[in-house]
Amino acid sequence: MKRLLILLTIIMTVSCQENNSDNNLIGDISNSQLDSVYRELKSIYTELAPRVIQPAEGYLKYPYLIPAGFYKQMWDWDGFFMGNYFCSKDHPEYLQYWALNLIEGIDDKGYVSGCATTKGPRPIFGDFSMKPFLSQGVLLSSRKVNDFQWIKPYYDKLCRAIAYREKTQRDSATGLFFWQIAMQSGADNNVALNYFKDDTRSFIACDASALQLREYKAQAIIAGELGMESDHLVYSQKAEAIEAAIMKYLWCEEDETFYNLDRETLAYYKRISYSNFIPLIEKIAPQEKGKAMIERYLTNPDYMKAKYGFRSLSAQDPDYNNKNIIVPYSNWQGPVWPIANYLYSIALKQYGFDDEVKFIAYTLGKKLIEDYRQYGSLHENYNAETGAPLAPAESYVDSTGKFVGFISWNLCIENVLAGVVENKWMLLDLK
């Protein structure tokens, strides 16, 4: 009996150790391990990063950034995050070029498409497909080059684009911003929004509102730098108003989380997806509330945390899956997206979860290295439960039979590693 008890104790200990590994306990990650992953990924990205840069051609008057491999177009938020990656590598000109190419497409109404090709803008996804990143990109690149005068000739266009967004995407009852369809948000099939064509609802959204708050803050700073004090005051006041409205309307005290709202009923749409956490990037929730939300959902394996990173949709959601989809839309219903994890890392850093930031850096850093070793490229996302690379599938090859891959904002995982290893953070701070 004694020997049996000893054997059972050993089995239970091993089982606990395995479960601890499965639950992503990160105390065993050493500085040397982090440093090793950082150095190798940094070296790999030296080879991969140039693939996203395209020379000026046709309608695109400046060199532009593409999600290299599967896509050939210039996209709004892909370009924003890649541009900031290049800022971190002391090449802010690419973020400036991104802004200038988009500004070129702002029409007399203030509309600008979130996608552009060498043949011109590509109008897609509702009344305003451009996501709220343009003023942020202008601000962050201007700071990096220590010059705001380059944007002065285009300042009125920036104001026009903001005004058009307010006209077409602002909810009058709450003062917050909405997506007409999920594809407009960039998280193509986010279940916290309507993503089926026969679903005619629209949702006041955590991410749309928080990103527009950042646009107001950025535009206020730009106006101040250009000596436009009245505009500085106006945009600062807009930022303050929308920040208060986000807490008033989108924060659910009972569930300790931000939710999207159905525009017709103003009822919470209770789905826990990646977009719920975007307000935490700006630290909109007070410290205690933000920490409670993170602990209840983001770092909880029953919801968002998985063995291979943080999920894009809660494992509790009835629509949770890890399907390998890139056409007709990309899958945000469960897979681990590097860009979502980069954004999570900012929120986690804001609320003091430094060990969880290390988990992202180490876990996804290793996964990206493994991906490159096998395919010579990267993927959009990864199966949260198995780590298998997803999108595009192995069947997507070029004319030579080479896997096309996907290189884009997954570059930002290097920035997470640079933060934890060298204290060189890219937190997209607007202050």
Protein backbone atom coordinates (compact mmCIF):
# COMPACT_ATOMS: atom_id res chain seq x y z
CA MET A 1 0.00 0.00 0.00
CA LYS A 2 2.82 2.39 0.91
CA ARG A 3 4.54 1.77 -2.42
CA LEU A 4 1.23 2.34 -4.22
CA LEU A 5 0.75 5.68 -2.43
CA ILE A 6 4.27 6.76 -3.38
CA LEU A 7 3.59 5.81 -7.01
CA LEU A 8 0.31 7.73 -7.00
CA THR A 9 2.08 10.76 -5.50
CA ILE A 10 4.69 10.67 -8.27
CA ILE A 11 2.01 10.37 -10.95
CA MET A 12 0.04 13.27 -9.47
CA THR A 13 3.18 15.41 -9.26
CA VAL A 14 4.04 14.74 -12.90
CA SER A 15 0.43 15.38 -13.88
CA CYS A 16 0.43 18.69 -12.00
CA GLN A 17 3.67 19.68 -13.69
CA GLU A 18 2.16 18.88 -17.09
CA ASN A 19 -1.00 20.78 -16.24
CA ASN A 20 1.07 23.72 -15.07
CA SER A 21 2.82 23.67 -18.43
CA ASP A 22 -0.51 23.53 -20.22
CA ASN A 23 -1.77 26.47 -18.19
CA ASN A 24 1.23 28.52 -19.27
CA LEU A 25 2.80 29.15 -15.88
CA ILE A 26 5.73 31.35 -16.74
CA GLY A 27 7.91 31.45 -13.68
CA ASP A 28 10.41 29.11 -15.33
CA ILE A 29 11.12 31.45 -18.25
CA SER A 30 14.64 32.74 -17.66
CA ASN A 31 16.20 35.95 -18.91
CA SER A 32 18.62 33.89 -20.98
CA GLN A 33 15.74 32.05 -22.68
CA LEU A 34 14.00 35.32 -23.48
CA ASP A 35 17.25 36.78 -24.77
CA SER A 36 17.88 33.76 -26.97
CA VAL A 37 14.41 33.92 -28.54
CA TYR A 38 14.74 37.67 -29.02
CA ARG A 39 18.09 37.43 -30.78
CA GLU A 40 16.96 34.68 -33.14
CA LEU A 41 13.65 36.33 -34.03
CA LYS A 42 15.40 39.65 -34.55
CA SER A 43 17.80 37.97 -36.95
CA ILE A 44 14.95 36.29 -38.85
CA TYR A 45 13.08 39.57 -39.15
CA THR A 46 16.15 41.22 -40.66
CA GLU A 47 15.54 38.88 -43.60
CA LEU A 48 11.73 38.97 -43.60
CA ALA A 49 10.92 42.64 -42.94
CA PRO A 50 12.15 43.99 -46.31
CA ARG A 51 9.59 41.79 -48.06
CA VAL A 52 6.75 44.05 -46.91
CA ILE A 53 8.26 47.18 -48.55
CA GLN A 54 7.15 47.99 -52.09
CA PRO A 55 8.51 50.83 -54.27
CA ALA A 56 6.21 53.68 -55.28
CA GLU A 57 4.11 52.70 -58.27
CA GLY A 58 1.10 54.15 -60.07
CA TYR A 59 -1.45 55.69 -57.71
CA LEU A 60 0.77 55.00 -54.68
CA LYS A 61 3.23 57.87 -54.96
CA TYR A 62 5.36 56.80 -52.02
CA PRO A 63 6.93 53.47 -51.08
CA TYR A 64 4.24 51.42 -49.39
CA LEU A 65 3.87 48.49 -47.02
CA ILE A 66 1.95 45.32 -47.81
CA PRO A 67 1.20 42.14 -45.83
CA ALA A 68 3.78 40.28 -47.92
CA GLY A 69 2.85 36.93 -49.35
CA PHE A 70 -0.88 36.46 -49.61
CA TYR A 71 -1.83 40.13 -50.06
CA LYS A 72 -0.51 42.76 -52.45
CA GLN A 73 -2.56 45.78 -51.37
CA MET A 74 -1.72 48.53 -48.90
CA TRP A 75 -4.05 48.27 -45.90
CA ASP A 76 -4.82 50.78 -43.15
CA TRP A 77 -4.09 49.08 -39.86
CA ASP A 78 -1.60 46.56 -41.23
CA GLY A 79 0.42 49.52 -42.52
CA PHE A 80 0.06 51.42 -39.25
CA PHE A 81 1.53 48.61 -37.17
CA MET A 82 4.23 47.73 -39.70
CA GLY A 83 5.08 51.43 -39.94
CA ASN A 84 5.53 51.62 -36.19
CA TYR A 85 7.72 48.54 -36.31
CA PHE A 86 9.94 50.37 -38.80
CA CYS A 87 9.89 53.43 -36.52
CA SER A 88 11.34 51.19 -33.83
CA LYS A 89 14.09 50.27 -36.29
CA ASP A 90 14.83 53.98 -36.96
CA HIS A 91 13.04 54.06 -40.30
CA PRO A 92 10.02 56.30 -39.57
CA GLU A 93 9.79 57.30 -43.22
CA TYR A 94 7.70 54.20 -43.93
CA LEU A 95 5.02 55.29 -41.46
CA GLN A 96 5.10 58.74 -43.05
CA TYR A 97 4.76 57.21 -46.52
CA TRP A 98 1.81 55.14 -45.29
CA ALA A 99 0.12 58.32 -44.05
CA LEU A 100 0.84 60.27 -47.21
CA ASN A 101 -0.49 57.51 -49.47
CA LEU A 102 -3.72 57.40 -47.47
CA ILE A 103 -4.04 61.19 -47.26
CA GLU A 104 -3.82 61.30 -51.05
CA GLY A 105 -7.09 59.35 -51.13
CA ILE A 106 -9.13 61.66 -48.88
CA ASP A 107 -11.90 63.09 -51.04
CA ASP A 108 -13.88 66.31 -50.69
CA LYS A 109 -16.31 64.66 -48.24
CA GLY A 110 -13.52 63.30 -46.06
CA TYR A 111 -13.91 59.70 -47.16
CA VAL A 112 -10.76 57.62 -47.49
CA SER A 113 -10.60 53.92 -48.24
CA GLY A 114 -8.78 51.62 -45.86
CA CYS A 115 -7.28 49.78 -48.81
CA ALA A 116 -5.29 51.15 -51.73
CA THR A 117 -3.63 49.61 -54.77
CA THR A 118 -1.33 50.90 -57.48
CA LYS A 119 -4.48 51.55 -59.53
CA GLY A 120 -6.25 53.60 -56.86
CA PRO A 121 -8.30 53.38 -53.65
CA ARG A 122 -10.43 50.31 -53.19
CA PRO A 123 -13.84 51.29 -51.74
CA ILE A 124 -14.97 48.51 -49.40
CA PHE A 125 -16.92 47.75 -46.24
CA GLY A 126 -19.61 50.30 -45.51
CA ASP A 127 -19.64 54.08 -45.59
CA PHE A 128 -16.11 54.48 -44.20
CA SER A 129 -13.68 51.60 -44.43
CA MET A 130 -10.64 53.45 -43.05
CA LYS A 131 -10.09 52.48 -39.43
CA PRO A 132 -9.18 55.22 -36.91
CA PHE A 133 -5.39 55.18 -37.20
CA LEU A 134 -4.42 58.02 -39.53
CA SER A 135 -3.82 60.87 -37.07
CA GLN A 136 -2.03 58.45 -34.75
CA GLY A 137 0.33 57.45 -37.56
CA VAL A 138 1.03 61.07 -38.38
CA LEU A 139 1.76 61.88 -34.74
CA LEU A 140 3.99 58.89 -34.02
CA SER A 141 6.05 59.31 -37.20
CA SER A 142 6.36 63.08 -36.65
CA ARG A 143 7.71 62.54 -33.17
CA LYS A 144 10.23 60.03 -34.42
CA VAL A 145 11.62 62.45 -37.01
CA ASN A 146 11.18 65.43 -34.65
CA ASP A 147 9.29 67.38 -37.31
CA PHE A 148 5.60 68.29 -37.62
CA GLN A 149 5.87 70.79 -40.45
CA TRP A 150 5.68 68.10 -43.14
CA ILE A 151 2.02 67.48 -42.27
CA LYS A 152 0.95 71.14 -42.31
CA PRO A 153 -0.14 71.16 -46.00
CA TYR A 154 -2.38 68.15 -45.27
CA TYR A 155 -3.74 69.19 -41.89
CA ASP A 156 -7.15 70.22 -43.26
CA LYS A 157 -7.53 66.80 -44.89
CA LEU A 158 -6.95 65.11 -41.54
CA CYS A 159 -9.67 67.27 -40.00
CA ARG A 160 -11.99 66.46 -42.91
CA ALA A 161 -11.50 62.72 -42.44
CA ILE A 162 -12.29 62.99 -38.73
CA ALA A 163 -15.42 65.01 -39.47
CA TYR A 164 -16.59 62.47 -42.04
CA ARG A 165 -16.12 59.63 -39.55
CA GLU A 166 -18.17 61.58 -37.03
CA LYS A 167 -20.89 62.06 -39.66
CA THR A 168 -21.07 58.44 -40.76
CA GLN A 169 -19.83 56.29 -37.83
CA ARG A 170 -20.79 58.21 -34.68
CA ASP A 171 -23.83 57.19 -32.66
CA SER A 172 -25.82 60.29 -31.74
CA ALA A 173 -27.36 58.82 -28.58
CA THR A 174 -24.07 57.93 -26.88
CA GLY A 175 -21.43 59.92 -28.75
CA LEU A 176 -19.54 56.67 -29.32
CA PHE A 177 -18.51 55.04 -32.59
CA PHE A 178 -19.80 51.95 -34.33
CA TRP A 179 -18.96 49.47 -37.04
CA GLN A 180 -21.63 48.85 -39.64
CA ILE A 181 -20.30 45.33 -40.29
CA ALA A 182 -17.53 43.24 -38.80
CA MET A 183 -15.41 43.38 -41.97
CA GLN A 184 -15.21 47.15 -41.53
CA SER A 185 -13.44 46.63 -38.21
CA GLY A 186 -10.69 44.49 -39.72
CA ALA A 187 -11.51 41.60 -37.38
CA ASP A 188 -13.42 40.07 -40.25
CA ASN A 189 -15.73 37.59 -38.53
CA ASN A 190 -15.65 38.92 -34.95
CA VAL A 191 -18.75 37.46 -33.30
CA ALA A 192 -19.06 40.57 -31.10
CA LEU A 193 -20.23 42.30 -34.30
CA ASN A 194 -22.51 41.39 -37.20
CA TYR A 195 -20.53 39.49 -39.79
CA PHE A 196 -23.29 37.80 -41.79
CA LYS A 197 -24.79 39.82 -44.63
CA ASP A 198 -28.34 39.08 -43.49
CA ASP A 199 -27.64 40.50 -40.03
CA THR A 200 -28.47 44.18 -40.43
CA ARG A 201 -27.59 45.27 -36.90
CA SER A 202 -24.70 47.61 -36.17
CA PHE A 203 -22.77 47.78 -32.93
CA ILE A 204 -21.33 50.57 -30.87
CA ALA A 205 -17.90 49.08 -30.44
CA CYS A 206 -15.18 49.01 -27.82
CA ASP A 207 -12.41 49.06 -30.41
CA ALA A 208 -13.96 51.66 -32.73
CA SER A 209 -14.59 54.03 -29.82
CA ALA A 210 -11.22 53.54 -28.13
CA LEU A 211 -9.34 53.97 -31.40
CA GLN A 212 -11.29 57.14 -32.18
CA LEU A 213 -10.38 58.42 -28.73
CA ARG A 214 -6.76 57.92 -29.72
CA GLU A 215 -7.40 59.78 -32.99
CA TYR A 216 -8.78 62.75 -31.08
CA LYS A 217 -5.78 62.75 -28.73
CA ALA A 218 -3.36 62.53 -31.65
CA GLN A 219 -5.10 65.27 -33.62
CA ALA A 220 -5.11 67.53 -30.56
CA ILE A 221 -1.35 67.12 -30.19
CA ILE A 222 -0.75 67.69 -33.92
CA ALA A 223 -2.85 70.88 -33.77
CA GLY A 224 -0.87 72.08 -30.78
CA GLU A 225 2.45 71.42 -32.49
CA LEU A 226 1.27 73.44 -35.49
CA GLY A 227 0.16 76.33 -33.29
CA MET A 228 -3.56 75.79 -33.84
CA GLU A 229 -4.64 76.29 -30.25
CA SER A 230 -8.39 76.43 -30.85
CA ASP A 231 -8.27 73.07 -32.66
CA HIS A 232 -6.07 71.68 -29.92
CA LEU A 233 -8.75 72.58 -27.39
CA VAL A 234 -11.62 71.22 -29.50
CA TYR A 235 -10.00 67.81 -30.08
CA SER A 236 -8.86 67.57 -26.47
CA GLN A 237 -12.44 68.12 -25.33
CA LYS A 238 -13.70 65.52 -27.80
CA ALA A 239 -11.17 63.05 -26.36
CA GLU A 240 -12.30 63.73 -22.79
CA ALA A 241 -15.96 63.33 -23.75
CA ILE A 242 -15.52 60.02 -25.54
CA GLU A 243 -13.36 58.59 -22.75
CA ALA A 244 -16.11 59.34 -20.24
CA ALA A 245 -18.74 57.88 -22.58
CA ILE A 246 -16.79 54.63 -22.98
CA MET A 247 -16.88 54.07 -19.23
CA LYS A 248 -20.51 55.20 -18.98
CA TYR A 249 -21.95 53.04 -21.74
CA LEU A 250 -19.55 50.20 -22.52
CA TRP A 251 -18.34 49.15 -19.05
CA CYS A 252 -20.49 46.44 -17.44
CA GLU A 253 -19.94 46.62 -13.70
CA GLU A 254 -21.60 43.27 -13.01
CA ASP A 255 -19.47 41.34 -15.49
CA GLU A 256 -16.31 43.45 -15.00
CA THR A 257 -15.70 43.98 -18.69
CA PHE A 258 -16.29 46.26 -21.63
CA TYR A 259 -18.97 45.09 -24.07
CA ASN A 260 -20.18 46.27 -27.45
CA LEU A 261 -23.73 47.67 -27.56
CA ASP A 262 -26.56 46.93 -29.93
CA ARG A 263 -27.30 50.36 -31.43
CA GLU A 264 -31.06 49.86 -31.49
CA THR A 265 -31.53 48.71 -27.89
CA LEU A 266 -28.29 49.95 -26.29
CA ALA A 267 -28.14 46.53 -24.62
CA TYR A 268 -24.79 44.89 -23.93
CA TYR A 269 -23.83 42.35 -26.57
CA LYS A 270 -22.24 39.86 -24.21
CA ARG A 271 -19.49 38.24 -26.26
CA ILE A 272 -15.90 38.17 -24.99
CA SER A 273 -13.65 38.79 -27.97
CA TYR A 274 -10.28 40.43 -28.55
CA SER A 275 -11.97 43.78 -29.23
CA ASN A 276 -13.36 44.03 -25.68
CA PHE A 277 -9.83 44.67 -24.44
CA ILE A 278 -8.85 47.56 -26.73
CA PRO A 279 -9.98 50.28 -24.23
CA LEU A 280 -7.38 48.91 -21.81
CA ILE A 281 -4.61 50.07 -24.16
CA GLU A 282 -5.53 53.63 -23.26
CA LYS A 283 -6.00 52.63 -19.62
CA ILE A 284 -9.58 53.89 -19.80
CA ALA A 285 -10.70 51.58 -16.99
CA PRO A 286 -9.39 52.61 -13.55
CA GLN A 287 -6.58 50.41 -12.22
CA GLU A 288 -8.73 48.13 -10.06
CA LYS A 289 -11.39 47.62 -12.73
CA GLY A 290 -8.90 47.00 -15.51
CA LYS A 291 -6.99 44.52 -13.40
CA ALA A 292 -10.20 42.71 -12.50
CA MET A 293 -11.18 42.44 -16.17
CA ILE A 294 -7.78 41.07 -17.13
CA GLU A 295 -7.75 38.49 -14.34
CA ARG A 296 -11.33 37.39 -14.93
CA TYR A 297 -11.06 36.98 -18.70
CA LEU A 298 -7.74 37.64 -20.41
CA THR A 299 -5.36 35.64 -18.20
CA ASN A 300 -7.98 33.01 -17.43
CA PRO A 301 -7.41 29.75 -19.42
CA ASP A 302 -11.17 29.17 -19.43
CA TYR A 303 -11.60 32.31 -21.55
CA MET A 304 -8.74 33.93 -23.46
CA LYS A 305 -5.44 32.43 -22.38
CA ALA A 306 -4.24 29.35 -24.25
CA LYS A 307 -1.07 27.29 -24.36
CA TYR A 308 0.15 29.09 -27.49
CA GLY A 309 -0.85 32.66 -26.66
CA PHE A 310 -4.04 34.59 -26.03
CA ARG A 311 -7.11 33.67 -28.06
CA SER A 312 -9.05 36.07 -30.27
CA LEU A 313 -12.38 34.79 -28.88
CA SER A 314 -13.27 33.27 -25.54
CA ALA A 315 -13.16 29.49 -25.36
CA GLN A 316 -16.54 29.76 -23.62
CA ASP A 317 -18.18 31.28 -26.69
CA PRO A 318 -20.44 28.88 -28.65
CA ASP A 319 -18.79 30.04 -31.89
CA TYR A 320 -15.21 29.44 -30.67
CA ASN A 321 -13.14 27.61 -33.30
CA ASN A 322 -9.67 27.44 -34.83
CA LYS A 323 -10.58 27.03 -38.48
CA ASN A 324 -7.93 27.69 -41.10
CA ILE A 325 -9.68 30.52 -42.97
CA ILE A 326 -8.32 33.37 -45.06
CA VAL A 327 -10.95 33.50 -47.83
CA PRO A 328 -13.58 35.00 -47.88
CA TYR A 329 -12.47 36.45 -44.54
CA SER A 330 -9.84 35.83 -41.91
CA ASN A 331 -10.78 33.95 -38.75
CA TRP A 332 -10.95 35.95 -35.51
CA GLN A 333 -13.12 33.39 -33.73
CA GLY A 334 -10.43 31.74 -31.63
CA PRO A 335 -6.99 31.53 -33.24
CA VAL A 336 -4.01 33.26 -31.66
CA TRP A 337 -3.29 36.38 -33.71
CA PRO A 338 0.18 37.91 -33.16
CA ILE A 339 -1.26 41.41 -33.67
CA ALA A 340 -3.98 40.83 -31.07
CA ASN A 341 -1.33 39.54 -28.69
CA TYR A 342 0.80 42.61 -29.33
CA LEU A 343 -2.20 44.76 -28.39
CA TYR A 344 -2.87 42.57 -25.35
CA SER A 345 0.75 43.10 -24.31
CA ILE A 346 0.20 46.86 -24.18
CA ALA A 347 -2.92 46.43 -22.04
CA LEU A 348 -1.13 43.97 -19.76
CA LYS A 349 1.82 46.34 -19.39
CA GLN A 350 -0.54 49.22 -18.56
CA TYR A 351 -2.04 47.29 -15.66
CA GLY A 352 1.16 45.76 -14.27
CA PHE A 353 0.97 42.18 -15.60
CA ASP A 354 4.64 42.03 -16.54
CA ASP A 355 4.91 38.24 -16.30
CA GLU A 356 2.06 37.83 -18.76
CA VAL A 357 3.86 40.14 -21.20
CA LYS A 358 6.87 37.83 -20.88
CA PHE A 359 4.58 34.90 -21.65
CA ILE A 360 3.51 36.55 -24.91
CA ALA A 361 7.08 37.44 -25.83
CA TYR A 362 8.49 33.99 -25.18
CA THR A 363 5.58 31.83 -26.37
CA LEU A 364 4.84 33.67 -29.60
CA GLY A 365 8.50 34.39 -30.24
CA LYS A 366 9.20 30.67 -30.20
CA LYS A 367 6.17 29.94 -32.35
CA LEU A 368 7.22 32.45 -35.01
CA ILE A 369 10.76 31.08 -35.07
CA GLU A 370 9.39 27.56 -35.49
CA ASP A 371 7.11 28.77 -38.28
CA TYR A 372 9.97 30.40 -40.16
CA ARG A 373 12.20 27.35 -39.81
CA GLN A 374 9.51 25.15 -41.35
CA TYR A 375 8.07 27.45 -44.03
CA GLY A 376 10.59 30.22 -44.66
CA SER A 377 7.78 32.65 -43.91
CA LEU A 378 5.02 33.24 -41.33
CA HIS A 379 1.24 32.84 -40.98
CA GLU A 380 -1.62 35.16 -40.01
CA ASN A 381 -2.51 33.22 -36.88
CA TYR A 382 -2.11 29.96 -34.99
CA ASN A 383 -4.36 27.29 -33.51
CA ALA A 384 -4.76 28.25 -29.87
CA GLU A 385 -4.98 24.62 -28.72
CA THR A 386 -2.35 22.90 -30.90
CA GLY A 387 -0.12 25.73 -32.10
CA ALA A 388 -0.61 24.69 -35.74
CA PRO A 389 0.01 27.57 -38.17
CA LEU A 390 -3.14 28.85 -39.85
CA ALA A 391 -3.86 31.03 -42.87
CA PRO A 392 -2.78 30.77 -45.53
CA ALA A 393 -2.97 26.99 -45.84
CA GLU A 394 -0.02 25.05 -47.23
CA SER A 395 -1.83 24.81 -50.57
CA TYR A 396 -1.28 28.54 -51.20
CA VAL A 397 1.94 28.59 -53.22
CA ASP A 398 3.39 30.87 -55.88
CA SER A 399 4.22 29.98 -59.48
CA THR A 400 7.42 28.26 -58.35
CA GLY A 401 5.60 26.15 -55.77
CA LYS A 402 6.92 28.19 -52.83
CA PHE A 403 4.62 28.80 -49.86
CA VAL A 404 3.39 32.42 -50.04
CA GLY A 405 3.08 33.01 -46.30
CA PHE A 406 2.05 36.17 -44.47
CA ILE A 407 4.43 38.85 -43.14
CA SER A 408 2.87 41.94 -41.67
CA TRP A 409 2.02 43.16 -38.20
CA ASN A 410 3.35 39.90 -36.76
CA LEU A 411 6.64 41.83 -36.91
CA CYS A 412 5.47 43.60 -33.74
CA ILE A 413 6.21 40.53 -31.61
CA GLU A 414 9.86 41.54 -31.90
CA ASN A 415 8.85 44.78 -30.17
CA VAL A 416 7.32 42.83 -27.27
CA LEU A 417 10.59 40.93 -26.89
CA ALA A 418 12.60 44.15 -27.13
CA GLY A 419 10.50 45.47 -24.26
CA VAL A 420 11.00 42.57 -21.89
CA VAL A 421 14.68 41.99 -22.79
CA GLU A 422 16.03 45.50 -23.36
CA ASN A 423 13.30 47.69 -21.83
CA LYS A 424 12.72 49.20 -25.29
CA TRP A 425 8.95 49.33 -25.37
CA MET A 426 6.69 50.21 -28.28
CA LEU A 427 3.50 51.04 -26.39
CA LEU A 428 2.09 53.50 -28.96
CA ASP A 429 1.93 56.13 -26.22
CA LEU A 430 0.27 59.34 -27.40
CA LYS A 431 1.00 61.51 -24.35
